Amino acid sequence: MSEVLSIDQIRELLPHRYPFLLVDRVLEREAGKRIVGLKNVTINEPFFQGHYPTTPVMPGVLIVEAMAQVGGLAVGGASTADVLPLLAAIEKVRFRQVVKPGDQLIITATVINSRSRVVKIAASAEVDAKVVAEGELTFTLIPREES
């Protein structure tokens, strides 16, 4: 069964906060299997002030971070609130085109391998149905500490 997550639900599941929370909405989520998330890229993002300010381009590492955050919402399955997915490896990442203010990143992550506390996903980010970045990300799942 697929579910949609609001920003409030995302904030309950991810530890990230402004300016580092890079997921605005989850459009589809099949816990532990597949997820589709959305990131609205706006000129108000703090990184645009210093990253090619005359020709604003979203840094590739932040596109990967957005893919990792979306992937992190997928890998914990139904118990995402109980585990903290930590990025352990980044492989085969390729950037296909630039991401600019006004773009809407649609990020899809699919679990390709899951063993105990290690989960590997294939992730892609698209703008206007064109792949802008893709790669494989591996997570280590650790118990979330009570606060």
N, C-alpha and C. Protein backbone atom coordinates (compact mmCIF):
# COMPACT_ATOMS: atom_id res chain seq x y z
N MET A 1 0.84 -1.18 0.00
CA MET A 1 0.00 0.00 0.00
C MET A 1 0.88 1.25 0.00
N SER A 2 0.59 2.18 -0.86
CA SER A 2 1.37 3.40 -1.00
C SER A 2 0.80 4.50 -0.10
N GLU A 3 1.70 5.28 0.49
CA GLU A 3 1.24 6.37 1.34
C GLU A 3 1.92 7.67 0.94
N VAL A 4 1.29 8.78 1.31
CA VAL A 4 1.81 10.12 1.09
C VAL A 4 2.21 10.67 2.46
N LEU A 5 3.34 11.39 2.52
CA LEU A 5 3.77 11.99 3.78
C LEU A 5 3.86 13.50 3.63
N SER A 6 3.33 14.22 4.59
CA SER A 6 3.42 15.68 4.62
C SER A 6 4.75 16.09 5.23
N ILE A 7 5.06 17.36 5.18
CA ILE A 7 6.30 17.86 5.77
C ILE A 7 6.33 17.60 7.28
N ASP A 8 5.19 17.68 7.94
CA ASP A 8 5.16 17.40 9.38
C ASP A 8 5.52 15.94 9.67
N GLN A 9 5.02 15.02 8.85
CA GLN A 9 5.34 13.60 9.03
C GLN A 9 6.82 13.34 8.70
N ILE A 10 7.33 14.01 7.67
CA ILE A 10 8.74 13.87 7.30
C ILE A 10 9.61 14.33 8.46
N ARG A 11 9.26 15.45 9.07
CA ARG A 11 10.04 15.98 10.20
C ARG A 11 10.01 15.05 11.40
N GLU A 12 8.97 14.25 11.54
CA GLU A 12 8.93 13.26 12.62
C GLU A 12 9.90 12.10 12.35
N LEU A 13 10.13 11.80 11.08
CA LEU A 13 10.94 10.65 10.71
C LEU A 13 12.41 10.97 10.45
N LEU A 14 12.69 12.17 9.94
CA LEU A 14 14.07 12.56 9.65
C LEU A 14 14.58 13.51 10.72
N PRO A 15 15.85 13.41 11.09
CA PRO A 15 16.40 14.32 12.09
C PRO A 15 16.79 15.69 11.52
N HIS A 16 16.81 15.84 10.21
CA HIS A 16 17.27 17.07 9.56
C HIS A 16 16.29 18.22 9.81
N ARG A 17 16.85 19.44 9.85
CA ARG A 17 16.06 20.65 10.01
C ARG A 17 16.62 21.72 9.08
N TYR A 18 15.88 22.82 8.91
CA TYR A 18 16.31 23.92 8.07
C TYR A 18 17.70 24.36 8.52
N PRO A 19 18.60 24.63 7.60
CA PRO A 19 18.44 24.64 6.15
C PRO A 19 18.80 23.32 5.48
N PHE A 20 18.91 22.25 6.27
CA PHE A 20 19.40 21.01 5.70
C PHE A 20 18.32 19.97 5.40
N LEU A 21 17.09 20.23 5.72
CA LEU A 21 16.01 19.31 5.35
C LEU A 21 15.70 19.55 3.88
N LEU A 22 15.93 18.54 3.04
CA LEU A 22 15.82 18.70 1.58
C LEU A 22 14.71 17.87 0.97
N VAL A 23 13.69 17.54 1.76
CA VAL A 23 12.52 16.82 1.27
C VAL A 23 11.29 17.62 1.70
N ASP A 24 10.46 18.01 0.73
CA ASP A 24 9.27 18.79 1.04
C ASP A 24 8.01 17.93 1.17
N ARG A 25 7.99 16.82 0.46
CA ARG A 25 6.78 15.96 0.48
C ARG A 25 7.17 14.59 -0.04
N VAL A 26 6.47 13.58 0.44
CA VAL A 26 6.59 12.24 -0.12
C VAL A 26 5.31 11.97 -0.88
N LEU A 27 5.45 11.69 -2.18
CA LEU A 27 4.30 11.47 -3.05
C LEU A 27 3.81 10.05 -3.02
N GLU A 28 4.74 9.11 -2.85
CA GLU A 28 4.41 7.68 -2.76
C GLU A 28 5.42 7.04 -1.82
N ARG A 29 4.96 6.10 -1.02
CA ARG A 29 5.88 5.37 -0.15
C ARG A 29 5.34 3.97 0.10
N GLU A 30 6.14 3.02 -0.29
CA GLU A 30 5.87 1.63 0.03
C GLU A 30 7.01 1.23 0.96
N ALA A 31 6.75 1.34 2.25
CA ALA A 31 7.79 1.22 3.27
C ALA A 31 8.69 0.00 3.06
N GLY A 32 9.99 0.27 3.08
CA GLY A 32 10.97 -0.80 2.93
C GLY A 32 11.20 -1.23 1.50
N LYS A 33 10.50 -0.62 0.53
CA LYS A 33 10.62 -1.04 -0.87
C LYS A 33 10.93 0.11 -1.82
N ARG A 34 10.03 1.11 -1.85
CA ARG A 34 10.15 2.18 -2.86
C ARG A 34 9.53 3.45 -2.32
N ILE A 35 10.08 4.58 -2.76
CA ILE A 35 9.56 5.88 -2.33
C ILE A 35 9.77 6.89 -3.44
N VAL A 36 8.87 7.87 -3.50
CA VAL A 36 9.01 9.00 -4.43
C VAL A 36 8.82 10.26 -3.60
N GLY A 37 9.85 11.11 -3.60
CA GLY A 37 9.80 12.35 -2.83
C GLY A 37 9.97 13.56 -3.72
N LEU A 38 9.66 14.71 -3.15
CA LEU A 38 9.69 15.96 -3.89
C LEU A 38 10.50 17.01 -3.14
N LYS A 39 11.32 17.74 -3.86
CA LYS A 39 12.08 18.87 -3.33
C LYS A 39 11.86 20.05 -4.25
N ASN A 40 11.23 21.11 -3.72
CA ASN A 40 11.08 22.35 -4.47
C ASN A 40 12.36 23.15 -4.31
N VAL A 41 12.98 23.50 -5.42
CA VAL A 41 14.23 24.25 -5.40
C VAL A 41 13.89 25.72 -5.61
N THR A 42 14.18 26.55 -4.59
CA THR A 42 13.84 27.97 -4.69
C THR A 42 15.09 28.83 -4.59
N ILE A 43 15.02 30.03 -5.09
CA ILE A 43 16.14 30.96 -5.04
C ILE A 43 16.47 31.35 -3.60
N ASN A 44 15.56 31.11 -2.68
CA ASN A 44 15.78 31.43 -1.26
C ASN A 44 16.69 30.43 -0.56
N GLU A 45 17.09 29.35 -1.23
CA GLU A 45 17.98 28.38 -0.60
C GLU A 45 19.29 29.08 -0.23
N PRO A 46 19.79 28.87 0.98
CA PRO A 46 20.99 29.59 1.42
C PRO A 46 22.24 29.30 0.57
N PHE A 47 22.33 28.13 -0.03
CA PHE A 47 23.53 27.80 -0.82
C PHE A 47 23.64 28.60 -2.10
N PHE A 48 22.52 29.14 -2.62
CA PHE A 48 22.57 29.91 -3.86
C PHE A 48 23.32 31.24 -3.68
N GLN A 49 23.44 31.72 -2.46
CA GLN A 49 24.16 32.98 -2.23
C GLN A 49 25.63 32.86 -2.60
N GLY A 50 26.22 31.67 -2.43
CA GLY A 50 27.65 31.53 -2.68
C GLY A 50 28.03 30.52 -3.74
N HIS A 51 27.07 29.74 -4.24
CA HIS A 51 27.38 28.71 -5.23
C HIS A 51 26.97 29.23 -6.60
N TYR A 52 27.94 29.73 -7.34
CA TYR A 52 27.70 30.35 -8.64
C TYR A 52 26.58 31.40 -8.55
N PRO A 53 26.78 32.45 -7.75
CA PRO A 53 25.69 33.40 -7.49
C PRO A 53 25.15 34.11 -8.73
N THR A 54 25.96 34.27 -9.77
CA THR A 54 25.42 34.92 -10.97
C THR A 54 24.71 33.94 -11.90
N THR A 55 24.95 32.66 -11.71
CA THR A 55 24.26 31.59 -12.43
C THR A 55 23.95 30.50 -11.42
N PRO A 56 22.89 30.67 -10.60
CA PRO A 56 22.64 29.73 -9.50
C PRO A 56 22.40 28.29 -9.97
N VAL A 57 23.18 27.39 -9.37
CA VAL A 57 23.09 25.95 -9.67
C VAL A 57 23.09 25.22 -8.33
N MET A 58 22.19 24.28 -8.16
CA MET A 58 22.17 23.48 -6.93
C MET A 58 23.40 22.59 -6.90
N PRO A 59 24.17 22.63 -5.80
CA PRO A 59 25.36 21.78 -5.71
C PRO A 59 25.02 20.30 -5.84
N GLY A 60 25.85 19.57 -6.59
CA GLY A 60 25.62 18.14 -6.78
C GLY A 60 25.58 17.37 -5.47
N VAL A 61 26.42 17.76 -4.51
CA VAL A 61 26.42 17.04 -3.23
C VAL A 61 25.10 17.20 -2.50
N LEU A 62 24.41 18.33 -2.72
CA LEU A 62 23.10 18.52 -2.08
C LEU A 62 22.01 17.75 -2.82
N ILE A 63 22.18 17.54 -4.11
CA ILE A 63 21.25 16.66 -4.83
C ILE A 63 21.39 15.24 -4.29
N VAL A 64 22.64 14.80 -4.08
CA VAL A 64 22.87 13.48 -3.49
C VAL A 64 22.29 13.43 -2.08
N GLU A 65 22.48 14.50 -1.30
CA GLU A 65 21.91 14.53 0.05
C GLU A 65 20.38 14.43 0.01
N ALA A 66 19.75 15.11 -0.94
CA ALA A 66 18.29 15.01 -1.08
C ALA A 66 17.89 13.58 -1.42
N MET A 67 18.66 12.93 -2.31
CA MET A 67 18.37 11.52 -2.64
C MET A 67 18.55 10.65 -1.40
N ALA A 68 19.57 10.95 -0.59
CA ALA A 68 19.82 10.17 0.63
C ALA A 68 18.69 10.37 1.64
N GLN A 69 18.20 11.59 1.78
CA GLN A 69 17.11 11.82 2.72
C GLN A 69 15.84 11.10 2.29
N VAL A 70 15.53 11.15 1.01
CA VAL A 70 14.37 10.41 0.51
C VAL A 70 14.59 8.91 0.71
N GLY A 71 15.78 8.44 0.36
CA GLY A 71 16.10 7.03 0.56
C GLY A 71 16.01 6.62 2.01
N GLY A 72 16.44 7.50 2.90
CA GLY A 72 16.37 7.21 4.33
C GLY A 72 14.94 7.00 4.81
N LEU A 73 14.00 7.67 4.16
CA LEU A 73 12.59 7.48 4.50
C LEU A 73 12.06 6.14 4.01
N ALA A 74 12.77 5.53 3.07
CA ALA A 74 12.34 4.23 2.53
C ALA A 74 12.95 3.07 3.27
N VAL A 75 14.22 3.18 3.67
CA VAL A 75 14.96 2.00 4.10
C VAL A 75 14.56 1.45 5.45
N GLY A 76 13.99 2.27 6.31
CA GLY A 76 13.61 1.78 7.63
C GLY A 76 12.33 0.98 7.65
N GLY A 77 11.65 0.92 6.52
CA GLY A 77 10.38 0.20 6.49
C GLY A 77 9.37 0.87 7.39
N ALA A 78 8.51 0.09 7.97
CA ALA A 78 7.46 0.63 8.84
C ALA A 78 8.05 1.17 10.14
N SER A 79 9.27 0.76 10.47
CA SER A 79 9.86 1.17 11.74
C SER A 79 10.84 2.32 11.59
N THR A 80 10.67 3.16 10.56
CA THR A 80 11.59 4.26 10.33
C THR A 80 11.73 5.13 11.58
N ALA A 81 10.67 5.28 12.36
CA ALA A 81 10.74 6.10 13.56
C ALA A 81 11.65 5.47 14.61
N ASP A 82 11.92 4.18 14.52
CA ASP A 82 12.75 3.48 15.50
C ASP A 82 14.21 3.36 15.11
N VAL A 83 14.53 3.60 13.84
CA VAL A 83 15.92 3.49 13.39
C VAL A 83 16.35 4.78 12.73
N LEU A 84 17.65 5.00 12.75
CA LEU A 84 18.24 6.15 12.10
C LEU A 84 19.10 5.64 10.96
N PRO A 85 18.71 5.93 9.71
CA PRO A 85 19.52 5.48 8.58
C PRO A 85 20.71 6.43 8.37
N LEU A 86 21.91 5.90 8.47
CA LEU A 86 23.11 6.69 8.26
C LEU A 86 23.73 6.31 6.93
N LEU A 87 24.06 7.29 6.13
CA LEU A 87 24.66 7.06 4.82
C LEU A 87 26.04 6.44 5.01
N ALA A 88 26.26 5.29 4.40
CA ALA A 88 27.52 4.56 4.58
C ALA A 88 28.35 4.52 3.30
N ALA A 89 27.70 4.59 2.13
CA ALA A 89 28.45 4.53 0.87
C ALA A 89 27.64 5.20 -0.23
N ILE A 90 28.38 5.78 -1.17
CA ILE A 90 27.80 6.42 -2.36
C ILE A 90 28.55 5.83 -3.55
N GLU A 91 27.79 5.22 -4.48
CA GLU A 91 28.43 4.57 -5.62
C GLU A 91 27.70 4.93 -6.92
N LYS A 92 28.46 4.92 -7.99
CA LYS A 92 27.93 5.06 -9.35
C LYS A 92 27.09 6.32 -9.54
N VAL A 93 27.40 7.39 -8.82
CA VAL A 93 26.62 8.62 -8.96
C VAL A 93 27.05 9.36 -10.23
N ARG A 94 26.06 9.77 -10.98
CA ARG A 94 26.28 10.53 -12.20
C ARG A 94 25.32 11.71 -12.21
N PHE A 95 25.84 12.85 -12.67
CA PHE A 95 25.02 14.05 -12.81
C PHE A 95 24.79 14.27 -14.30
N ARG A 96 23.55 14.43 -14.69
CA ARG A 96 23.18 14.52 -16.10
C ARG A 96 22.90 15.94 -16.57
N GLN A 97 22.37 16.78 -15.68
CA GLN A 97 22.13 18.18 -16.03
C GLN A 97 22.02 19.00 -14.76
N VAL A 98 22.10 20.33 -14.88
CA VAL A 98 22.08 21.20 -13.71
C VAL A 98 20.65 21.36 -13.17
N VAL A 99 20.59 21.68 -11.88
CA VAL A 99 19.32 21.96 -11.21
C VAL A 99 19.37 23.42 -10.79
N LYS A 100 18.31 24.16 -11.15
CA LYS A 100 18.28 25.61 -10.95
C LYS A 100 17.08 26.01 -10.10
N PRO A 101 17.11 27.24 -9.58
CA PRO A 101 15.93 27.73 -8.86
C PRO A 101 14.69 27.63 -9.74
N GLY A 102 13.60 27.22 -9.14
CA GLY A 102 12.34 27.04 -9.88
C GLY A 102 12.11 25.60 -10.29
N ASP A 103 13.17 24.78 -10.24
CA ASP A 103 13.02 23.37 -10.58
C ASP A 103 12.35 22.61 -9.44
N GLN A 104 11.74 21.53 -9.80
CA GLN A 104 11.14 20.63 -8.82
C GLN A 104 11.80 19.27 -9.00
N LEU A 105 12.56 18.87 -7.98
CA LEU A 105 13.21 17.55 -8.03
C LEU A 105 12.21 16.48 -7.61
N ILE A 106 12.07 15.49 -8.44
CA ILE A 106 11.29 14.31 -8.10
C ILE A 106 12.30 13.18 -7.91
N ILE A 107 12.38 12.69 -6.69
CA ILE A 107 13.40 11.71 -6.33
C ILE A 107 12.74 10.37 -6.08
N THR A 108 13.23 9.36 -6.78
CA THR A 108 12.74 8.00 -6.60
C THR A 108 13.86 7.15 -6.04
N ALA A 109 13.55 6.39 -5.00
CA ALA A 109 14.52 5.48 -4.40
C ALA A 109 13.87 4.10 -4.27
N THR A 110 14.60 3.09 -4.72
CA THR A 110 14.12 1.71 -4.66
C THR A 110 15.15 0.86 -3.92
N VAL A 111 14.68 0.11 -2.95
CA VAL A 111 15.57 -0.79 -2.20
C VAL A 111 15.99 -1.92 -3.13
N ILE A 112 17.31 -2.12 -3.28
CA ILE A 112 17.80 -3.20 -4.14
C ILE A 112 18.44 -4.33 -3.35
N ASN A 113 18.79 -4.05 -2.08
CA ASN A 113 19.38 -5.10 -1.25
C ASN A 113 19.21 -4.70 0.21
N SER A 114 18.75 -5.63 1.01
CA SER A 114 18.55 -5.36 2.43
C SER A 114 19.01 -6.56 3.24
N ARG A 115 20.01 -6.32 4.10
CA ARG A 115 20.51 -7.38 4.98
C ARG A 115 20.66 -6.81 6.38
N SER A 116 19.93 -7.34 7.30
CA SER A 116 20.04 -6.95 8.70
C SER A 116 20.00 -5.43 8.84
N ARG A 117 21.14 -4.82 9.11
CA ARG A 117 21.20 -3.37 9.34
C ARG A 117 21.85 -2.61 8.20
N VAL A 118 21.99 -3.23 7.04
CA VAL A 118 22.58 -2.57 5.87
C VAL A 118 21.58 -2.65 4.72
N VAL A 119 21.28 -1.48 4.14
CA VAL A 119 20.31 -1.41 3.05
C VAL A 119 20.91 -0.59 1.91
N LYS A 120 20.79 -1.12 0.70
CA LYS A 120 21.29 -0.42 -0.49
C LYS A 120 20.10 -0.04 -1.36
N ILE A 121 20.15 1.20 -1.87
CA ILE A 121 19.07 1.68 -2.73
C ILE A 121 19.64 2.17 -4.06
N ALA A 122 18.79 2.14 -5.08
CA ALA A 122 19.06 2.83 -6.34
C ALA A 122 18.21 4.09 -6.29
N ALA A 123 18.83 5.24 -6.55
CA ALA A 123 18.11 6.51 -6.47
C ALA A 123 18.30 7.31 -7.75
N SER A 124 17.26 8.04 -8.10
CA SER A 124 17.37 8.96 -9.23
C SER A 124 16.60 10.23 -8.90
N ALA A 125 17.10 11.34 -9.44
CA ALA A 125 16.43 12.63 -9.29
C ALA A 125 16.10 13.13 -10.69
N GLU A 126 14.86 13.58 -10.87
CA GLU A 126 14.41 14.07 -12.17
C GLU A 126 13.85 15.49 -12.05
N VAL A 127 14.01 16.23 -13.11
CA VAL A 127 13.36 17.54 -13.27
C VAL A 127 12.66 17.48 -14.62
N ASP A 128 11.37 17.76 -14.63
CA ASP A 128 10.58 17.71 -15.86
C ASP A 128 10.75 16.38 -16.60
N ALA A 129 10.72 15.29 -15.84
CA ALA A 129 10.80 13.92 -16.37
C ALA A 129 12.15 13.60 -17.02
N LYS A 130 13.19 14.40 -16.75
CA LYS A 130 14.53 14.12 -17.25
C LYS A 130 15.43 13.84 -16.06
N VAL A 131 16.19 12.76 -16.13
CA VAL A 131 17.09 12.40 -15.03
C VAL A 131 18.20 13.44 -14.94
N VAL A 132 18.36 14.01 -13.73
CA VAL A 132 19.43 14.98 -13.50
C VAL A 132 20.56 14.36 -12.69
N ALA A 133 20.25 13.31 -11.92
CA ALA A 133 21.28 12.61 -11.14
C ALA A 133 20.76 11.22 -10.80
N GLU A 134 21.71 10.29 -10.66
CA GLU A 134 21.34 8.93 -10.27
C GLU A 134 22.54 8.26 -9.63
N GLY A 135 22.27 7.25 -8.84
CA GLY A 135 23.34 6.51 -8.20
C GLY A 135 22.81 5.49 -7.21
N GLU A 136 23.74 4.83 -6.54
CA GLU A 136 23.40 3.84 -5.52
C GLU A 136 23.91 4.33 -4.18
N LEU A 137 23.07 4.22 -3.16
CA LEU A 137 23.41 4.67 -1.82
C LEU A 137 23.22 3.51 -0.85
N THR A 138 24.16 3.37 0.07
CA THR A 138 24.07 2.32 1.08
C THR A 138 23.92 2.98 2.45
N PHE A 139 23.01 2.43 3.24
CA PHE A 139 22.73 2.94 4.58
C PHE A 139 23.03 1.88 5.62
N THR A 140 23.48 2.34 6.78
CA THR A 140 23.57 1.51 7.97
C THR A 140 22.44 1.97 8.88
N LEU A 141 21.66 1.03 9.38
CA LEU A 141 20.54 1.37 10.26
C LEU A 141 20.99 1.19 11.71
N ILE A 142 20.86 2.26 12.49
CA ILE A 142 21.20 2.17 13.90
C ILE A 142 19.95 2.50 14.72
N PRO A 143 19.84 1.95 15.92
CA PRO A 143 18.67 2.28 16.76
C PRO A 143 18.64 3.77 17.05
N ARG A 144 17.47 4.36 16.95
CA ARG A 144 17.30 5.78 17.24
C ARG A 144 17.26 5.92 18.77
N GLU A 145 18.07 6.83 19.27
CA GLU A 145 18.10 7.05 20.71
C GLU A 145 16.92 7.89 21.15
N GLU A 146 16.42 7.57 22.30
CA GLU A 146 15.32 8.34 22.86
C GLU A 146 15.82 9.71 23.29
N SER A 147 15.05 10.74 23.04
CA SER A 147 15.48 12.08 23.47
C SER A 147 14.64 12.60 24.60
